[in-house]
Amino acid sequence: FGALDGKMFSDEVDYDRDWIDEARRYYTNIVGKYGPHVQALLKKAGKIDIKIICPLHGLVWRKNLDYLLDKYDKWSRYEPEQKGVLIAYASMYGNTESA
């Protein structure tokens, strides 16, 4: 998702500003349906001392690994990152919208 621009480590970029949306989209589209499998893997991985994460797509993680693992944990449990409410509506003539 985008060029690395010479930076290949997550600690060299503003991850929240430039990368988190793409990481979330990648997880949702490619990995999302395997949430229970991700949970099982995270449980196993929690027993080992991980030093670096080198994904097939995206930046290499050598610092703050818990940030990425926490995101995958939350995404794989299908929990929202922020509390909110979605109000979906259709308004053919605009009356519902103006209400």
C-alpha atoms as a PDB file:
ATOM      1  CA  PHE A   1       0.000   0.000   0.000  1.00  0.00           C
ATOM      2  CA  GLY A   2       2.081   2.816  -1.257  1.00  0.00           C
ATOM      3  CA  ALA A   3       5.788   3.214  -1.695  1.00  0.00           C
ATOM      4  CA  LEU A   4       8.098   2.827   1.266  1.00  0.00           C
ATOM      5  CA  ASP A   5       9.992   5.972   0.282  1.00  0.00           C
ATOM      6  CA  GLY A   6      13.253   4.488   1.557  1.00  0.00           C
ATOM      7  CA  LYS A   7      11.851   3.773   5.011  1.00  0.00           C
ATOM      8  CA  MET A   8      11.258   0.122   5.809  1.00  0.00           C
ATOM      9  CA  PHE A   9      10.791   0.205   9.607  1.00  0.00           C
ATOM     10  CA  SER A  10       7.611   1.221  11.402  1.00  0.00           C
ATOM     11  CA  ASP A  11       9.554   3.420  13.823  1.00  0.00           C
ATOM     12  CA  GLU A  12      10.797   5.574  10.919  1.00  0.00           C
ATOM     13  CA  VAL A  13       7.327   6.779   9.930  1.00  0.00           C
ATOM     14  CA  ASP A  14       4.216   8.261  11.503  1.00  0.00           C
ATOM     15  CA  TYR A  15       2.350   4.959  11.494  1.00  0.00           C
ATOM     16  CA  ASP A  16      -0.947   6.285  12.847  1.00  0.00           C
ATOM     17  CA  ARG A  17      -1.065   9.085  10.295  1.00  0.00           C
ATOM     18  CA  ASP A  18       0.244   7.316   7.190  1.00  0.00           C
ATOM     19  CA  TRP A  19      -0.196   3.558   7.588  1.00  0.00           C
ATOM     20  CA  ILE A  20      -2.857   2.422  10.059  1.00  0.00           C
ATOM     21  CA  ASP A  21      -5.788   2.898   7.670  1.00  0.00           C
ATOM     22  CA  GLU A  22      -4.075   0.788   5.016  1.00  0.00           C
ATOM     23  CA  ALA A  23      -3.091  -1.862   7.572  1.00  0.00           C
ATOM     24  CA  ARG A  24      -6.689  -2.038   8.784  1.00  0.00           C
ATOM     25  CA  ARG A  25      -7.984  -2.282   5.209  1.00  0.00           C
ATOM     26  CA  TYR A  26      -5.493  -5.040   4.394  1.00  0.00           C
ATOM     27  CA  TYR A  27      -6.468  -6.963   7.536  1.00  0.00           C
ATOM     28  CA  THR A  28     -10.190  -6.545   6.823  1.00  0.00           C
ATOM     29  CA  ASN A  29      -9.988  -7.610   3.173  1.00  0.00           C
ATOM     30  CA  ILE A  30      -7.418 -10.405   3.377  1.00  0.00           C
ATOM     31  CA  VAL A  31      -7.232 -11.738   6.941  1.00  0.00           C
ATOM     32  CA  GLY A  32     -10.536 -10.601   8.458  1.00  0.00           C
ATOM     33  CA  LYS A  33     -12.546 -13.785   8.027  1.00  0.00           C
ATOM     34  CA  TYR A  34      -9.874 -15.768   9.890  1.00  0.00           C
ATOM     35  CA  GLY A  35     -10.357 -13.982  13.228  1.00  0.00           C
ATOM     36  CA  PRO A  36     -10.481 -17.184  15.328  1.00  0.00           C
ATOM     37  CA  HIS A  37      -7.273 -18.414  13.684  1.00  0.00           C
ATOM     38  CA  VAL A  38      -5.562 -15.084  14.379  1.00  0.00           C
ATOM     39  CA  GLN A  39      -6.670 -15.336  18.017  1.00  0.00           C
ATOM     40  CA  ALA A  40      -5.175 -18.844  18.270  1.00  0.00           C
ATOM     41  CA  LEU A  41      -1.911 -17.648  16.727  1.00  0.00           C
ATOM     42  CA  LEU A  42      -1.707 -14.622  19.030  1.00  0.00           C
ATOM     43  CA  LYS A  43      -2.204 -16.919  22.011  1.00  0.00           C
ATOM     44  CA  LYS A  44       0.696 -19.118  20.871  1.00  0.00           C
ATOM     45  CA  ALA A  45       2.868 -16.123  19.981  1.00  0.00           C
ATOM     46  CA  GLY A  46       2.274 -14.642  23.425  1.00  0.00           C
ATOM     47  CA  LYS A  47       4.401 -17.432  24.882  1.00  0.00           C
ATOM     48  CA  ILE A  48       7.534 -16.502  22.944  1.00  0.00           C
ATOM     49  CA  ASP A  49       9.774 -13.450  23.045  1.00  0.00           C
ATOM     50  CA  ILE A  50       9.242 -11.819  19.655  1.00  0.00           C
ATOM     51  CA  LYS A  51      12.054  -9.456  18.663  1.00  0.00           C
ATOM     52  CA  ILE A  52      10.983  -8.384  15.177  1.00  0.00           C
ATOM     53  CA  ILE A  53       7.981  -8.759  12.874  1.00  0.00           C
ATOM     54  CA  CYS A  54       8.703  -8.911   9.137  1.00  0.00           C
ATOM     55  CA  PRO A  55       5.342  -9.047   7.332  1.00  0.00           C
ATOM     56  CA  LEU A  56       4.946  -9.949   3.690  1.00  0.00           C
ATOM     57  CA  HIS A  57       3.263  -6.571   3.140  1.00  0.00           C
ATOM     58  CA  GLY A  58       4.101  -3.335   4.891  1.00  0.00           C
ATOM     59  CA  LEU A  59       6.785  -2.140   7.242  1.00  0.00           C
ATOM     60  CA  VAL A  60       9.143  -4.171   9.435  1.00  0.00           C
ATOM     61  CA  TRP A  61       8.438  -3.871  13.170  1.00  0.00           C
ATOM     62  CA  ARG A  62      11.485  -3.811  15.435  1.00  0.00           C
ATOM     63  CA  LYS A  63      10.050  -1.573  18.197  1.00  0.00           C
ATOM     64  CA  ASN A  64       6.659  -1.240  19.888  1.00  0.00           C
ATOM     65  CA  LEU A  65       5.527  -4.669  18.694  1.00  0.00           C
ATOM     66  CA  ASP A  66       2.686  -4.658  21.218  1.00  0.00           C
ATOM     67  CA  TYR A  67       1.016  -1.848  19.271  1.00  0.00           C
ATOM     68  CA  LEU A  68       0.665  -4.011  16.160  1.00  0.00           C
ATOM     69  CA  LEU A  69      -0.208  -7.160  18.100  1.00  0.00           C
ATOM     70  CA  ASP A  70      -2.891  -5.263  20.032  1.00  0.00           C
ATOM     71  CA  LYS A  71      -4.411  -4.032  16.763  1.00  0.00           C
ATOM     72  CA  TYR A  72      -4.525  -7.563  15.361  1.00  0.00           C
ATOM     73  CA  ASP A  73      -6.018  -8.787  18.635  1.00  0.00           C
ATOM     74  CA  LYS A  74      -8.784  -6.184  18.520  1.00  0.00           C
ATOM     75  CA  TRP A  75      -9.467  -6.640  14.809  1.00  0.00           C
ATOM     76  CA  SER A  76      -9.582 -10.437  15.121  1.00  0.00           C
ATOM     77  CA  ARG A  77     -12.161 -10.175  17.924  1.00  0.00           C
ATOM     78  CA  TYR A  78     -14.299  -8.009  15.621  1.00  0.00           C
ATOM     79  CA  GLU A  79     -14.422  -5.234  18.212  1.00  0.00           C
ATOM     80  CA  PRO A  80     -14.713  -1.590  17.190  1.00  0.00           C
ATOM     81  CA  GLU A  81     -11.680   0.597  17.786  1.00  0.00           C
ATOM     82  CA  GLN A  82     -13.883   3.519  18.755  1.00  0.00           C
ATOM     83  CA  LYS A  83     -17.351   3.629  20.222  1.00  0.00           C
ATOM     84  CA  GLY A  84     -19.908   5.110  17.910  1.00  0.00           C
ATOM     85  CA  VAL A  85     -23.283   4.809  16.286  1.00  0.00           C
ATOM     86  CA  LEU A  86     -24.056   4.479  12.600  1.00  0.00           C
ATOM     87  CA  ILE A  87     -27.366   5.833  11.391  1.00  0.00           C
ATOM     88  CA  ALA A  88     -28.097   4.531   7.904  1.00  0.00           C
ATOM     89  CA  TYR A  89     -31.013   5.986   6.004  1.00  0.00           C
ATOM     90  CA  ALA A  90     -32.275   6.619   2.517  1.00  0.00           C
ATOM     91  CA  SER A  91     -34.179   9.715   1.520  1.00  0.00           C
ATOM     92  CA  MET A  92     -35.749   9.712  -1.924  1.00  0.00           C
ATOM     93  CA  TYR A  93     -37.212  13.206  -1.636  1.00  0.00           C
ATOM     94  CA  GLY A  94     -35.040  14.589   1.182  1.00  0.00           C
ATOM     95  CA  ASN A  95     -37.768  14.471   3.852  1.00  0.00           C
ATOM     96  CA  THR A  96     -36.020  11.815   5.947  1.00  0.00           C
ATOM     97  CA  GLU A  97     -32.753  13.709   5.695  1.00  0.00           C
ATOM     98  CA  SER A  98     -34.309  16.941   6.930  1.00  0.00           C
ATOM     99  CA  ALA A  99     -36.075  15.245   9.882  1.00  0.00           C
END
